[in-house]
Amino acid sequence: MITLLFILIFFLLQTFILLCCVAAGNDAASQEIADQEQMEFIQEWKKKHCKSQ
């Protein structure tokens, strides 16, 4: 019985951690958006700073 309780608590904690990660934007969709924004920023930075060379 105690083993079942530990397993249940373990899975509840895992679910809580997963929900916290999703709420923090640490999922695949949010990461893809962040990657795209970072690539756009780098392109703009190169346009501004690499023309003078």
PDB file of N, CA and C in Angstrom:
ATOM      1  N   MET A   1       0.822  -1.200   0.000  1.00  0.00           N
ATOM      2  CA  MET A   1       0.000   0.000   0.000  1.00  0.00           C
ATOM      3  C   MET A   1       0.865   1.263   0.000  1.00  0.00           C
ATOM      4  N   ILE A   2       1.933   1.243   0.798  1.00  0.00           N
ATOM      5  CA  ILE A   2       2.802   2.417   0.884  1.00  0.00           C
ATOM      6  C   ILE A   2       3.527   2.655  -0.445  1.00  0.00           C
ATOM      7  N   THR A   3       3.842   1.557  -1.142  1.00  0.00           N
ATOM      8  CA  THR A   3       4.500   1.675  -2.445  1.00  0.00           C
ATOM      9  C   THR A   3       3.577   2.381  -3.436  1.00  0.00           C
ATOM     10  N   LEU A   4       2.324   2.019  -3.419  1.00  0.00           N
ATOM     11  CA  LEU A   4       1.346   2.649  -4.296  1.00  0.00           C
ATOM     12  C   LEU A   4       1.235   4.145  -3.997  1.00  0.00           C
ATOM     13  N   LEU A   5       1.277   4.483  -2.734  1.00  0.00           N
ATOM     14  CA  LEU A   5       1.225   5.894  -2.327  1.00  0.00           C
ATOM     15  C   LEU A   5       2.445   6.659  -2.839  1.00  0.00           C
ATOM     16  N   PHE A   6       3.625   6.072  -2.719  1.00  0.00           N
ATOM     17  CA  PHE A   6       4.840   6.718  -3.220  1.00  0.00           C
ATOM     18  C   PHE A   6       4.797   6.903  -4.732  1.00  0.00           C
ATOM     19  N   ILE A   7       4.303   5.907  -5.443  1.00  0.00           N
ATOM     20  CA  ILE A   7       4.188   6.007  -6.900  1.00  0.00           C
ATOM     21  C   ILE A   7       3.209   7.115  -7.272  1.00  0.00           C
ATOM     22  N   LEU A   8       2.093   7.196  -6.575  1.00  0.00           N
ATOM     23  CA  LEU A   8       1.105   8.237  -6.837  1.00  0.00           C
ATOM     24  C   LEU A   8       1.697   9.627  -6.578  1.00  0.00           C
ATOM     25  N   ILE A   9       2.395   9.786  -5.477  1.00  0.00           N
ATOM     26  CA  ILE A   9       3.030  11.073  -5.164  1.00  0.00           C
ATOM     27  C   ILE A   9       4.072  11.425  -6.222  1.00  0.00           C
ATOM     28  N   PHE A  10       4.847  10.435  -6.642  1.00  0.00           N
ATOM     29  CA  PHE A  10       5.854  10.663  -7.671  1.00  0.00           C
ATOM     30  C   PHE A  10       5.219  11.204  -8.953  1.00  0.00           C
ATOM     31  N   PHE A  11       4.167  10.567  -9.425  1.00  0.00           N
ATOM     32  CA  PHE A  11       3.524  11.006 -10.658  1.00  0.00           C
ATOM     33  C   PHE A  11       2.831  12.357 -10.499  1.00  0.00           C
ATOM     34  N   LEU A  12       2.312  12.634  -9.344  1.00  0.00           N
ATOM     35  CA  LEU A  12       1.719  13.949  -9.105  1.00  0.00           C
ATOM     36  C   LEU A  12       2.787  15.043  -9.152  1.00  0.00           C
ATOM     37  N   LEU A  13       3.943  14.781  -8.572  1.00  0.00           N
ATOM     38  CA  LEU A  13       5.041  15.756  -8.635  1.00  0.00           C
ATOM     39  C   LEU A  13       5.532  15.948 -10.062  1.00  0.00           C
ATOM     40  N   GLN A  14       5.627  14.868 -10.813  1.00  0.00           N
ATOM     41  CA  GLN A  14       6.048  14.968 -12.206  1.00  0.00           C
ATOM     42  C   GLN A  14       5.057  15.799 -13.016  1.00  0.00           C
ATOM     43  N   THR A  15       3.782  15.608 -12.770  1.00  0.00           N
ATOM     44  CA  THR A  15       2.752  16.389 -13.455  1.00  0.00           C
ATOM     45  C   THR A  15       2.854  17.861 -13.085  1.00  0.00           C
ATOM     46  N   PHE A  16       3.086  18.141 -11.818  1.00  0.00           N
ATOM     47  CA  PHE A  16       3.250  19.522 -11.370  1.00  0.00           C
ATOM     48  C   PHE A  16       4.447  20.188 -12.041  1.00  0.00           C
ATOM     49  N   ILE A  17       5.564  19.484 -12.121  1.00  0.00           N
ATOM     50  CA  ILE A  17       6.769  20.025 -12.767  1.00  0.00           C
ATOM     51  C   ILE A  17       6.500  20.288 -14.247  1.00  0.00           C
ATOM     52  N   LEU A  18       5.832  19.374 -14.920  1.00  0.00           N
ATOM     53  CA  LEU A  18       5.507  19.556 -16.332  1.00  0.00           C
ATOM     54  C   LEU A  18       4.624  20.779 -16.534  1.00  0.00           C
ATOM     55  N   LEU A  19       3.627  20.951 -15.683  1.00  0.00           N
ATOM     56  CA  LEU A  19       2.739  22.104 -15.802  1.00  0.00           C
ATOM     57  C   LEU A  19       3.487  23.411 -15.537  1.00  0.00           C
ATOM     58  N   CYS A  20       4.418  23.396 -14.609  1.00  0.00           N
ATOM     59  CA  CYS A  20       5.223  24.596 -14.345  1.00  0.00           C
ATOM     60  C   CYS A  20       6.079  24.948 -15.555  1.00  0.00           C
ATOM     61  N   CYS A  21       6.654  23.952 -16.198  1.00  0.00           N
ATOM     62  CA  CYS A  21       7.475  24.205 -17.389  1.00  0.00           C
ATOM     63  C   CYS A  21       6.629  24.784 -18.520  1.00  0.00           C
ATOM     64  N   VAL A  22       5.441  24.253 -18.710  1.00  0.00           N
ATOM     65  CA  VAL A  22       4.559  24.770 -19.759  1.00  0.00           C
ATOM     66  C   VAL A  22       4.132  26.191 -19.427  1.00  0.00           C
ATOM     67  N   ALA A  23       3.826  26.452 -18.173  1.00  0.00           N
ATOM     68  CA  ALA A  23       3.407  27.791 -17.762  1.00  0.00           C
ATOM     69  C   ALA A  23       4.548  28.791 -17.927  1.00  0.00           C
ATOM     70  N   ALA A  24       5.770  28.328 -17.790  1.00  0.00           N
ATOM     71  CA  ALA A  24       6.923  29.213 -17.934  1.00  0.00           C
ATOM     72  C   ALA A  24       7.314  29.396 -19.398  1.00  0.00           C
ATOM     73  N   GLY A  25       6.633  28.723 -20.291  1.00  0.00           N
ATOM     74  CA  GLY A  25       6.941  28.857 -21.712  1.00  0.00           C
ATOM     75  C   GLY A  25       8.084  27.979 -22.152  1.00  0.00           C
ATOM     76  N   ASN A  26       8.329  26.921 -21.443  1.00  0.00           N
ATOM     77  CA  ASN A  26       9.439  26.039 -21.778  1.00  0.00           C
ATOM     78  C   ASN A  26       8.926  24.798 -22.510  1.00  0.00           C
ATOM     79  N   ASP A  27       8.098  25.014 -23.507  1.00  0.00           N
ATOM     80  CA  ASP A  27       7.617  23.898 -24.309  1.00  0.00           C
ATOM     81  C   ASP A  27       8.121  24.082 -25.739  1.00  0.00           C
ATOM     82  N   ALA A  28       7.874  23.119 -26.580  1.00  0.00           N
ATOM     83  CA  ALA A  28       8.440  23.128 -27.934  1.00  0.00           C
ATOM     84  C   ALA A  28       7.948  24.316 -28.753  1.00  0.00           C
ATOM     85  N   ALA A  29       6.678  24.640 -28.662  1.00  0.00           N
ATOM     86  CA  ALA A  29       6.132  25.753 -29.455  1.00  0.00           C
ATOM     87  C   ALA A  29       6.740  27.083 -29.030  1.00  0.00           C
ATOM     88  N   SER A  30       6.844  27.306 -27.731  1.00  0.00           N
ATOM     89  CA  SER A  30       7.439  28.554 -27.237  1.00  0.00           C
ATOM     90  C   SER A  30       8.909  28.635 -27.603  1.00  0.00           C
ATOM     91  N   GLN A  31       9.595  27.507 -27.565  1.00  0.00           N
ATOM     92  CA  GLN A  31      11.019  27.489 -27.926  1.00  0.00           C
ATOM     93  C   GLN A  31      11.204  27.828 -29.397  1.00  0.00           C
ATOM     94  N   GLU A  32      10.316  27.334 -30.247  1.00  0.00           N
ATOM     95  CA  GLU A  32      10.406  27.630 -31.680  1.00  0.00           C
ATOM     96  C   GLU A  32      10.198  29.123 -31.940  1.00  0.00           C
ATOM     97  N   ILE A  33       9.241  29.726 -31.251  1.00  0.00           N
ATOM     98  CA  ILE A  33       8.999  31.163 -31.390  1.00  0.00           C
ATOM     99  C   ILE A  33      10.219  31.950 -30.911  1.00  0.00           C
ATOM    100  N   ALA A  34      10.791  31.549 -29.791  1.00  0.00           N
ATOM    101  CA  ALA A  34      11.971  32.236 -29.263  1.00  0.00           C
ATOM    102  C   ALA A  34      13.148  32.107 -30.218  1.00  0.00           C
ATOM    103  N   ASP A  35      13.325  30.941 -30.816  1.00  0.00           N
ATOM    104  CA  ASP A  35      14.409  30.744 -31.781  1.00  0.00           C
ATOM    105  C   ASP A  35      14.228  31.650 -32.994  1.00  0.00           C
ATOM    106  N   GLN A  36      12.994  31.762 -33.481  1.00  0.00           N
ATOM    107  CA  GLN A  36      12.709  32.611 -34.631  1.00  0.00           C
ATOM    108  C   GLN A  36      12.999  34.079 -34.309  1.00  0.00           C
ATOM    109  N   GLU A  37      12.568  34.520 -33.136  1.00  0.00           N
ATOM    110  CA  GLU A  37      12.827  35.902 -32.724  1.00  0.00           C
ATOM    111  C   GLU A  37      14.323  36.167 -32.604  1.00  0.00           C
ATOM    112  N   GLN A  38      15.053  35.202 -32.100  1.00  0.00           N
ATOM    113  CA  GLN A  38      16.499  35.368 -31.959  1.00  0.00           C
ATOM    114  C   GLN A  38      17.173  35.446 -33.328  1.00  0.00           C
ATOM    115  N   MET A  39      16.739  34.642 -34.282  1.00  0.00           N
ATOM    116  CA  MET A  39      17.313  34.692 -35.630  1.00  0.00           C
ATOM    117  C   MET A  39      17.027  36.036 -36.290  1.00  0.00           C
ATOM    118  N   GLU A  40      15.819  36.564 -36.106  1.00  0.00           N
ATOM    119  CA  GLU A  40      15.481  37.869 -36.670  1.00  0.00           C
ATOM    120  C   GLU A  40      16.331  38.971 -36.042  1.00  0.00           C
ATOM    121  N   PHE A  41      16.551  38.902 -34.738  1.00  0.00           N
ATOM    122  CA  PHE A  41      17.377  39.893 -34.053  1.00  0.00           C
ATOM    123  C   PHE A  41      18.812  39.860 -34.579  1.00  0.00           C
ATOM    124  N   ILE A  42      19.346  38.668 -34.755  1.00  0.00           N
ATOM    125  CA  ILE A  42      20.720  38.540 -35.252  1.00  0.00           C
ATOM    126  C   ILE A  42      20.832  39.091 -36.668  1.00  0.00           C
ATOM    127  N   GLN A  43      19.841  38.830 -37.507  1.00  0.00           N
ATOM    128  CA  GLN A  43      19.862  39.359 -38.875  1.00  0.00           C
ATOM    129  C   GLN A  43      19.842  40.880 -38.873  1.00  0.00           C
ATOM    130  N   GLU A  44      19.000  41.471 -38.036  1.00  0.00           N
ATOM    131  CA  GLU A  44      18.939  42.935 -37.953  1.00  0.00           C
ATOM    132  C   GLU A  44      20.248  43.502 -37.412  1.00  0.00           C
ATOM    133  N   TRP A  45      20.814  42.839 -36.434  1.00  0.00           N
ATOM    134  CA  TRP A  45      22.081  43.300 -35.854  1.00  0.00           C
ATOM    135  C   TRP A  45      23.185  43.269 -36.901  1.00  0.00           C
ATOM    136  N   LYS A  46      23.218  42.199 -37.708  1.00  0.00           N
ATOM    137  CA  LYS A  46      24.234  42.101 -38.761  1.00  0.00           C
ATOM    138  C   LYS A  46      24.049  43.192 -39.799  1.00  0.00           C
ATOM    139  N   LYS A  47      22.789  43.520 -40.136  1.00  0.00           N
ATOM    140  CA  LYS A  47      22.540  44.593 -41.109  1.00  0.00           C
ATOM    141  C   LYS A  47      23.072  45.913 -40.598  1.00  0.00           C
ATOM    142  N   LYS A  48      22.903  46.200 -39.328  1.00  0.00           N
ATOM    143  CA  LYS A  48      23.327  47.474 -38.753  1.00  0.00           C
ATOM    144  C   LYS A  48      24.838  47.543 -38.554  1.00  0.00           C
ATOM    145  N   HIS A  49      25.439  46.479 -38.088  1.00  0.00           N
ATOM    146  CA  HIS A  49      26.827  46.540 -37.639  1.00  0.00           C
ATOM    147  C   HIS A  49      27.847  45.989 -38.633  1.00  0.00           C
ATOM    148  N   CYS A  50      27.428  45.249 -39.597  1.00  0.00           N
ATOM    149  CA  CYS A  50      28.397  44.637 -40.516  1.00  0.00           C
ATOM    150  C   CYS A  50      28.516  45.367 -41.830  1.00  0.00           C
ATOM    151  N   LYS A  51      27.701  46.383 -42.057  1.00  0.00           N
ATOM    152  CA  LYS A  51      27.799  47.156 -43.308  1.00  0.00           C
ATOM    153  C   LYS A  51      29.047  48.018 -43.344  1.00  0.00           C
ATOM    154  N   SER A  52      29.494  48.497 -42.209  1.00  0.00           N
ATOM    155  CA  SER A  52      30.610  49.429 -42.180  1.00  0.00           C
ATOM    156  C   SER A  52      31.942  48.746 -42.419  1.00  0.00           C
ATOM    157  N   GLN A  53      31.982  47.450 -42.430  1.00  0.00           N
ATOM    158  CA  GLN A  53      33.255  46.739 -42.628  1.00  0.00           C
ATOM    159  C   GLN A  53      33.574  46.561 -44.083  1.00  0.00           C
TER     160      GLN A  53
END
